[in-house]
Amino acid sequence: MRVLISGAGPAGLTLAACLLRQGITPVIVEKAEAIREAGYAVGIHVNGWNVAERLGIIEDLLGNALDLGRSEYRNLRDAPLFQYDYKHFSAAADGKMLAIMRDALVRVLHEHLDGRLTVRFGTQIDAMTEANQCLTVRFSTGETEDFDLVVAADGYRSRVRQLWFGPHEAFLRPLGYRAAAWRLPDGPGMDCSFVGFMDVDRQAGLYRVGDGTAATLFCWRDQETQRIAAEDRQRYLKDIFGNWPGMISATLDQEVDWNDCFFDTIAQVEVPNWSRGRVVLLGDAAHCMTFLSGQGTSTAMAGAYILAQELTAKPLPDALAVYEARLKPLTLTLQAQSQKIGGHYVPRSRLGIVIQSWLIPILMRPPFTRFTVKKMLARALALDGATS
């Protein structure tokens, strides 16, 4: 079977590794010229952790994980609101939890494939035609090749999904927020792992990466969905956060590659069917839950494992149907949770901030953390069979 994977992110690279374990050597194309350095921290929880163990990369992930401990939130007067210790949360998840920068995760996966598979960087799919039980794909390089299956693992604004399933507007469900994230070459002095500032309809934070740098994550309520041009992003953020405490406002004066940073509308993806003919959607292209869920990366890795497993066990139409049936119930549950989380992550009122300041420290402290973990994290998928 000839499999083409579009996208060399966590979903696409995990699928490639899983297919290699099954004796299938896929082709991967990625429109970027190299591994993307942009992005924010992602969580690897039980389902992603279990896949990483099967692939033999969990120790590499742990070696690149963020050392998260005490996290604190402040108001715009720079006064404390609340704090909690991430390690309590991790312990309540039986240790199967880590946070890692997205680019570090991608590097670990890419190195795992080194010598066995080469990513075709600077290449994307321009057109596809299905005939004679195969897909003829035309690439941006002008070359054409035939494949048995094309996997769209190219993000929530998937080019492949747009070409084969329809326009983005048919599947993107904006949640009423925007977010921005980028790496700071010179991190500010911080005496804890994460410092967040919270106000009505807005939140911004900084966390230590561990190599002397820091990373940002800004999120704010915004009903508009049009894309913001790279040259306008700094001014746009200064209008919203420019008068915040110095730790936040100073980040907007540093030199930033606004073309490379994450800056987009927060939207979920809802696609009635994840496959059509010989094209199948994976990860955010199929079921983006947004970073608010904290489960997107782990679910994408589990989906990649399940898809590879089914492709080697069943005829193609059956494999694609069973892959979706095994994963979709979980993604629908997590999407529903993500919609609710948004109102807590970006409070709508002063009262909401007060309630969070009182409630979160309690829920994040033993013995309540096990209850919190059970409510927030995904259930474990039986990767070698039906969902548990």
Protein backbone atom coordinates (compact mmCIF):
# COMPACT_ATOMS: atom_id res chain seq x y z
CA MET A 1 0.00 0.00 0.00
CA ARG A 2 1.32 3.45 -0.98
CA VAL A 3 0.33 6.02 1.64
CA LEU A 4 0.89 9.76 1.31
CA ILE A 5 0.83 11.86 4.49
CA SER A 6 0.36 15.60 4.13
CA GLY A 7 1.81 17.37 7.16
CA ALA A 8 4.93 16.70 9.25
CA GLY A 9 3.47 17.69 12.59
CA PRO A 10 2.75 15.42 15.58
CA ALA A 11 -0.13 13.61 13.84
CA GLY A 12 1.65 12.99 10.53
CA LEU A 13 4.99 11.95 12.01
CA THR A 14 3.32 9.65 14.55
CA LEU A 15 1.37 7.99 11.75
CA ALA A 16 4.56 7.52 9.75
CA ALA A 17 6.26 5.85 12.73
CA CYS A 18 3.24 3.60 13.33
CA LEU A 19 3.04 2.60 9.66
CA LEU A 20 6.73 1.71 9.63
CA ARG A 21 6.08 -0.62 12.56
CA GLN A 22 3.44 -2.29 10.40
CA GLY A 23 5.77 -2.70 7.43
CA ILE A 24 4.45 0.24 5.37
CA THR A 25 6.83 3.02 4.30
CA PRO A 26 4.77 6.16 3.65
CA VAL A 27 5.65 9.36 1.83
CA ILE A 28 5.43 12.58 3.88
CA VAL A 29 5.18 16.07 2.41
CA GLU A 30 5.34 19.30 4.40
CA LYS A 31 4.82 22.77 2.98
CA ALA A 32 7.31 24.37 5.40
CA GLU A 33 10.97 24.36 4.43
CA ALA A 34 12.01 22.72 7.72
CA ILE A 35 10.59 21.59 11.04
CA ARG A 36 8.36 24.35 12.34
CA GLU A 37 9.71 26.20 15.35
CA ALA A 38 6.45 28.00 16.14
CA GLY A 39 3.78 26.82 18.54
CA TYR A 40 3.08 26.55 22.22
CA ALA A 41 3.46 23.86 24.85
CA VAL A 42 1.34 20.76 24.32
CA GLY A 43 0.34 18.10 26.81
CA ILE A 44 1.07 14.42 26.41
CA HIS A 45 -1.46 12.54 28.51
CA VAL A 46 -2.54 8.93 28.82
CA ASN A 47 -3.38 8.20 25.15
CA GLY A 48 -0.37 10.04 23.74
CA TRP A 49 1.79 8.58 26.48
CA ASN A 50 0.70 5.02 25.64
CA VAL A 51 1.48 5.55 21.95
CA ALA A 52 4.88 7.05 22.80
CA GLU A 53 5.66 3.99 24.93
CA ARG A 54 4.80 1.67 22.04
CA LEU A 55 7.03 3.67 19.70
CA GLY A 56 9.88 3.66 22.21
CA ILE A 57 10.17 7.45 22.44
CA ILE A 58 8.75 8.17 25.89
CA GLU A 59 12.19 8.64 27.46
CA ASP A 60 13.15 11.09 24.72
CA LEU A 61 9.95 13.03 25.36
CA LEU A 62 10.62 13.09 29.09
CA GLY A 63 14.13 14.34 28.40
CA ASN A 64 12.68 17.29 26.47
CA ALA A 65 9.70 17.94 28.74
CA LEU A 66 9.11 21.25 30.48
CA ASP A 67 9.92 21.16 34.18
CA LEU A 68 6.56 22.46 35.36
CA GLY A 69 5.97 23.06 39.02
CA ARG A 70 4.42 26.07 40.68
CA SER A 71 2.15 28.17 38.51
CA GLU A 72 0.67 31.46 39.62
CA TYR A 73 -1.93 33.89 38.33
CA ARG A 74 -2.04 37.63 38.95
CA ASN A 75 -4.42 40.47 38.22
CA LEU A 76 -3.60 43.63 36.29
CA ARG A 77 -2.33 45.29 39.46
CA ASP A 78 0.29 42.51 39.56
CA ALA A 79 -1.31 41.19 42.76
CA PRO A 80 -1.67 37.40 43.30
CA LEU A 81 -4.96 35.74 42.39
CA PHE A 82 -4.16 32.07 42.95
CA GLN A 83 -1.48 29.43 42.44
CA TYR A 84 -1.16 25.67 42.11
CA ASP A 85 1.53 23.05 41.59
CA TYR A 86 1.46 21.15 38.28
CA LYS A 87 3.24 18.23 39.91
CA HIS A 88 0.14 17.48 42.00
CA PHE A 89 -1.85 17.25 38.79
CA SER A 90 0.70 14.95 37.17
CA ALA A 91 0.78 12.67 40.21
CA ALA A 92 -3.01 12.35 40.11
CA ALA A 93 -2.71 11.14 36.51
CA ASP A 94 -0.44 8.30 37.70
CA GLY A 95 2.54 10.08 36.20
CA LYS A 96 1.31 9.68 32.61
CA MET A 97 1.45 13.37 31.90
CA LEU A 98 4.06 15.75 30.56
CA ALA A 99 4.21 19.12 28.87
CA ILE A 100 6.54 19.71 25.96
CA MET A 101 7.04 22.45 23.39
CA ARG A 102 5.42 21.44 20.12
CA ASP A 103 8.64 21.87 18.16
CA ALA A 104 10.52 19.65 20.64
CA LEU A 105 7.89 16.91 20.20
CA VAL A 106 8.20 17.18 16.42
CA ARG A 107 12.00 16.96 16.62
CA VAL A 108 11.81 13.79 18.74
CA LEU A 109 9.43 12.18 16.24
CA HIS A 110 11.51 13.33 13.28
CA GLU A 111 14.70 11.93 14.80
CA HIS A 112 12.88 8.67 15.49
CA LEU A 113 12.27 8.38 11.73
CA ASP A 114 15.80 9.40 10.74
CA GLY A 115 17.38 6.99 8.32
CA ARG A 116 14.12 5.19 7.65
CA LEU A 117 12.06 7.91 6.02
CA THR A 118 12.73 11.36 4.56
CA VAL A 119 10.25 14.21 4.79
CA ARG A 120 9.81 16.15 1.55
CA PHE A 121 9.93 19.70 2.93
CA GLY A 122 8.78 22.67 0.85
CA THR A 123 6.18 20.51 -0.87
CA GLN A 124 2.41 20.43 -0.72
CA ILE A 125 -0.49 18.87 -2.60
CA ASP A 126 -1.95 21.01 -5.40
CA ALA A 127 -4.53 18.60 -6.83
CA MET A 128 -5.84 15.04 -6.55
CA THR A 129 -7.75 12.83 -8.97
CA GLU A 130 -9.22 9.46 -8.06
CA ALA A 131 -9.40 6.83 -10.81
CA ASN A 132 -8.54 3.19 -11.40
CA GLN A 133 -8.46 2.42 -7.67
CA CYS A 134 -5.78 4.98 -6.87
CA LEU A 135 -5.25 8.69 -6.34
CA THR A 136 -3.11 10.65 -8.74
CA VAL A 137 -1.57 13.52 -6.80
CA ARG A 138 0.00 16.62 -8.31
CA PHE A 139 2.50 18.33 -6.02
CA SER A 140 3.55 21.98 -5.85
CA THR A 141 6.87 20.87 -7.37
CA GLY A 142 5.01 19.94 -10.57
CA GLU A 143 5.54 16.20 -10.07
CA THR A 144 2.70 13.66 -10.03
CA GLU A 145 2.52 10.30 -8.24
CA ASP A 146 -0.09 7.62 -7.59
CA PHE A 147 -1.13 6.54 -4.08
CA ASP A 148 -3.60 4.15 -2.54
CA LEU A 149 -4.41 6.56 0.29
CA VAL A 150 -3.83 10.22 1.14
CA VAL A 151 -3.89 11.23 4.82
CA ALA A 152 -4.59 14.86 5.66
CA ALA A 153 -2.53 15.60 8.78
CA ASP A 154 -2.01 19.24 7.88
CA GLY A 155 -3.79 21.05 10.69
CA TYR A 156 -7.16 22.58 11.32
CA ARG A 157 -6.91 24.78 8.22
CA SER A 158 -6.11 21.66 6.21
CA ARG A 159 -5.31 22.25 2.56
CA VAL A 160 -6.14 18.64 1.71
CA ARG A 161 -9.51 18.86 3.43
CA GLN A 162 -10.22 22.06 1.55
CA LEU A 163 -9.32 20.44 -1.80
CA TRP A 164 -11.26 17.21 -1.23
CA PHE A 165 -14.05 17.90 1.26
CA GLY A 166 -14.93 21.56 0.79
CA PRO A 167 -14.17 25.10 2.04
CA HIS A 168 -12.97 25.76 5.59
CA GLU A 169 -16.18 27.61 6.43
CA ALA A 170 -18.12 24.35 6.15
CA PHE A 171 -16.16 22.72 8.98
CA LEU A 172 -14.63 25.40 11.23
CA ARG A 173 -16.67 26.28 14.33
CA PRO A 174 -15.19 29.42 15.94
CA LEU A 175 -15.50 29.50 19.73
CA GLY A 176 -15.31 33.27 20.05
CA TYR A 177 -11.61 33.61 20.94
CA ARG A 178 -8.28 34.36 19.36
CA ALA A 179 -4.88 33.22 20.57
CA ALA A 180 -1.24 34.04 19.92
CA ALA A 181 1.95 32.25 20.99
CA TRP A 182 5.64 32.65 20.28
CA ARG A 183 9.08 32.02 21.79
CA LEU A 184 11.03 34.77 23.56
CA PRO A 185 14.81 34.56 23.04
CA ASP A 186 15.39 36.26 26.41
CA GLY A 187 12.97 35.08 29.04
CA PRO A 188 12.13 37.44 31.90
CA GLY A 189 13.17 36.55 35.42
CA MET A 190 10.59 34.17 36.86
CA ASP A 191 10.60 32.40 40.22
CA CYS A 192 8.02 29.83 39.11
CA SER A 193 7.24 27.70 36.06
CA PHE A 194 4.35 29.79 34.76
CA VAL A 195 3.05 33.28 35.39
CA GLY A 196 -0.38 34.16 34.07
CA PHE A 197 -2.28 37.44 34.14
CA MET A 198 -6.06 37.41 34.01
CA ASP A 199 -8.71 40.02 33.34
CA VAL A 200 -12.25 39.95 32.05
CA ASP A 201 -12.24 38.50 28.51
CA ARG A 202 -8.44 38.31 28.38
CA GLN A 203 -5.56 36.17 29.62
CA ALA A 204 -1.82 36.19 28.94
CA GLY A 205 1.00 34.12 30.36
CA LEU A 206 4.67 33.21 30.22
CA TYR A 207 6.28 29.89 31.00
CA ARG A 208 9.90 28.83 31.30
CA VAL A 209 11.10 26.53 28.55
CA GLY A 210 14.26 25.41 30.31
CA ASP A 211 16.94 26.63 27.90
CA GLY A 212 16.93 30.23 29.06
CA THR A 213 14.06 31.16 26.79
CA ALA A 214 10.41 31.61 27.62
CA ALA A 215 7.21 31.11 25.68
CA THR A 216 4.06 33.19 25.58
CA LEU A 217 0.39 32.32 25.34
CA PHE A 218 -2.16 35.08 24.84
CA CYS A 219 -5.88 34.43 24.59
CA TRP A 220 -8.75 36.89 24.36
CA ARG A 221 -12.44 36.91 23.57
CA ASP A 222 -13.14 38.05 20.00
CA GLN A 223 -16.10 37.25 17.80
CA GLU A 224 -14.33 38.32 14.60
CA THR A 225 -12.80 35.53 12.50
CA GLN A 226 -10.90 37.27 9.70
CA ARG A 227 -7.16 36.56 9.51
CA ILE A 228 -4.85 39.25 10.87
CA ALA A 229 -1.94 40.06 8.55
CA ALA A 230 1.50 39.41 10.00
CA GLU A 231 2.51 43.07 9.77
CA ASP A 232 -0.54 44.08 11.86
CA ARG A 233 -0.22 41.52 14.65
CA GLN A 234 2.09 43.45 16.97
CA ARG A 235 -0.09 46.56 16.84
CA TYR A 236 -3.21 44.44 17.28
CA LEU A 237 -1.85 42.83 20.46
CA LYS A 238 -0.57 46.14 21.82
CA ASP A 239 -4.07 47.58 21.53
CA ILE A 240 -5.33 44.79 23.78
CA PHE A 241 -2.40 44.05 26.13
CA GLY A 242 -0.09 47.06 25.77
CA ASN A 243 -1.02 48.56 29.17
CA TRP A 244 -0.72 45.27 31.10
CA PRO A 245 1.99 44.71 33.74
CA GLY A 246 5.53 44.99 32.45
CA MET A 247 6.18 41.24 32.30
CA ILE A 248 3.47 40.99 29.62
CA SER A 249 3.67 44.34 27.83
CA ALA A 250 7.45 44.02 27.44
CA THR A 251 7.04 40.87 25.36
CA LEU A 252 5.28 42.95 22.71
CA ASP A 253 8.35 45.13 22.24
CA GLN A 254 10.76 42.27 21.60
CA GLU A 255 11.73 41.28 18.09
CA VAL A 256 9.25 38.63 16.95
CA ASP A 257 8.85 36.86 13.62
CA TRP A 258 5.15 37.58 13.29
CA ASN A 259 4.93 35.40 10.18
CA ASP A 260 6.10 32.36 12.12
CA CYS A 261 4.28 32.81 15.42
CA PHE A 262 0.93 31.17 16.12
CA PHE A 263 -1.82 33.77 15.70
CA ASP A 264 -5.30 32.61 14.80
CA THR A 265 -8.94 32.28 15.61
CA ILE A 266 -9.70 29.50 18.10
CA ALA A 267 -11.99 27.15 16.23
CA GLN A 268 -13.03 23.54 16.42
CA VAL A 269 -13.34 21.31 13.38
CA GLU A 270 -16.52 19.31 12.82
CA VAL A 271 -16.55 17.02 9.79
CA PRO A 272 -19.49 14.59 9.42
CA ASN A 273 -17.29 11.88 7.89
CA TRP A 274 -13.53 11.76 8.25
CA SER A 275 -12.95 9.90 4.99
CA ARG A 276 -14.11 10.27 1.43
CA GLY A 277 -12.92 7.72 -1.07
CA ARG A 278 -9.16 7.37 -0.67
CA VAL A 279 -8.64 10.46 1.44
CA VAL A 280 -8.83 10.42 5.25
CA LEU A 281 -8.47 13.15 7.86
CA LEU A 282 -6.23 12.82 10.93
CA GLY A 283 -5.66 14.98 13.99
CA ASP A 284 -6.75 18.63 13.85
CA ALA A 285 -7.81 18.25 10.22
CA ALA A 286 -10.53 15.85 11.42
CA HIS A 287 -11.43 16.93 14.94
CA CYS A 288 -9.58 20.00 16.19
CA MET A 289 -10.53 20.53 19.83
CA THR A 290 -8.35 23.65 20.30
CA PHE A 291 -5.65 24.09 22.94
CA LEU A 292 -8.40 24.72 25.50
CA SER A 293 -8.99 20.97 25.77
CA GLY A 294 -5.33 20.14 26.37
CA GLN A 295 -6.03 16.80 24.66
CA GLY A 296 -5.54 17.49 20.96
CA THR A 297 -2.00 16.20 20.56
CA SER A 298 -2.51 13.01 22.57
CA THR A 299 -5.74 12.26 20.70
CA ALA A 300 -4.05 12.84 17.35
CA MET A 301 -1.24 10.44 18.31
CA ALA A 302 -3.79 7.81 19.38
CA GLY A 303 -5.69 8.33 16.13
CA ALA A 304 -2.50 7.80 14.15
CA TYR A 305 -1.80 4.56 15.99
CA ILE A 306 -5.35 3.28 15.45
CA LEU A 307 -5.40 4.27 11.77
CA ALA A 308 -2.12 2.45 11.08
CA GLN A 309 -3.39 -0.60 12.93
CA GLU A 310 -6.65 -0.74 10.99
CA LEU A 311 -4.99 -0.14 7.61
CA THR A 312 -2.92 -3.30 8.01
CA ALA A 313 -5.80 -5.40 9.35
CA LYS A 314 -8.74 -4.61 7.06
CA PRO A 315 -9.64 -3.63 3.49
CA LEU A 316 -9.33 0.12 2.99
CA PRO A 317 -13.03 1.13 3.25
CA ASP A 318 -13.51 -0.96 6.39
CA ALA A 319 -10.25 0.29 7.93
CA LEU A 320 -11.23 3.94 7.50
CA ALA A 321 -14.72 3.34 8.89
CA VAL A 322 -13.47 1.47 11.96
CA TYR A 323 -10.75 4.07 12.63
CA GLU A 324 -13.42 6.77 12.78
CA ALA A 325 -15.80 4.65 14.84
CA ARG A 326 -13.12 3.91 17.44
CA LEU A 327 -11.96 7.50 17.85
CA LYS A 328 -14.91 9.78 17.14
CA PRO A 329 -16.90 9.25 20.38
CA LEU A 330 -13.90 10.45 22.39
CA THR A 331 -13.31 13.50 20.19
CA LEU A 332 -16.95 14.57 20.45
CA THR A 333 -16.77 14.36 24.24
CA LEU A 334 -13.56 16.37 24.36
CA GLN A 335 -14.92 19.01 22.00
CA ALA A 336 -17.93 19.49 24.26
CA GLN A 337 -15.63 19.86 27.27
CA SER A 338 -13.45 22.34 25.39
CA GLN A 339 -16.43 24.59 24.71
CA LYS A 340 -17.18 24.74 28.42
CA ILE A 341 -13.55 25.30 29.42
CA GLY A 342 -13.31 28.47 27.35
CA GLY A 343 -15.60 30.38 29.70
CA HIS A 344 -13.38 29.48 32.65
CA TYR A 345 -10.06 30.03 30.89
CA VAL A 346 -11.10 33.52 29.81
CA PRO A 347 -13.56 34.69 32.50
CA ARG A 348 -16.53 36.75 31.41
CA SER A 349 -16.83 38.80 34.62
CA ARG A 350 -15.06 39.97 37.77
CA LEU A 351 -17.17 37.48 39.69
CA GLY A 352 -15.85 34.71 37.45
CA ILE A 353 -12.28 35.69 38.35
CA VAL A 354 -13.10 35.68 42.06
CA ILE A 355 -14.73 32.25 41.84
CA GLN A 356 -11.75 30.81 39.97
CA SER A 357 -9.32 32.32 42.46
CA TRP A 358 -11.12 30.46 45.23
CA LEU A 359 -12.00 27.21 43.44
CA ILE A 360 -8.95 26.31 41.31
CA PRO A 361 -6.44 26.05 44.19
CA ILE A 362 -8.79 23.64 45.92
CA LEU A 363 -9.33 21.46 42.84
CA MET A 364 -5.61 21.39 42.08
CA ARG A 365 -4.59 20.25 45.56
CA PRO A 366 -4.60 16.69 46.95
CA PRO A 367 -6.94 14.91 47.51
CA PHE A 368 -9.17 16.76 45.02
CA THR A 369 -6.74 16.49 42.10
CA ARG A 370 -7.87 12.95 41.24
CA PHE A 371 -11.42 14.23 40.83
CA THR A 372 -10.14 17.11 38.69
CA VAL A 373 -8.05 14.79 36.51
CA LYS A 374 -10.99 12.48 35.97
CA LYS A 375 -13.18 15.38 34.86
CA MET A 376 -10.62 17.06 32.62
CA LEU A 377 -8.55 14.33 30.99
CA ALA A 378 -9.55 11.89 28.29
CA ARG A 379 -10.42 8.31 29.08
CA ALA A 380 -7.84 5.77 28.05
CA LEU A 381 -8.37 4.19 24.64
CA ALA A 382 -7.73 0.48 24.22
CA LEU A 383 -5.21 0.99 21.43
CA ASP A 384 -5.22 -2.67 20.41
CA GLY A 385 -8.99 -3.07 20.29
CA ALA A 386 -12.27 -1.27 20.90
CA THR A 387 -12.41 1.76 23.19
CA SER A 388 -12.56 1.02 26.90
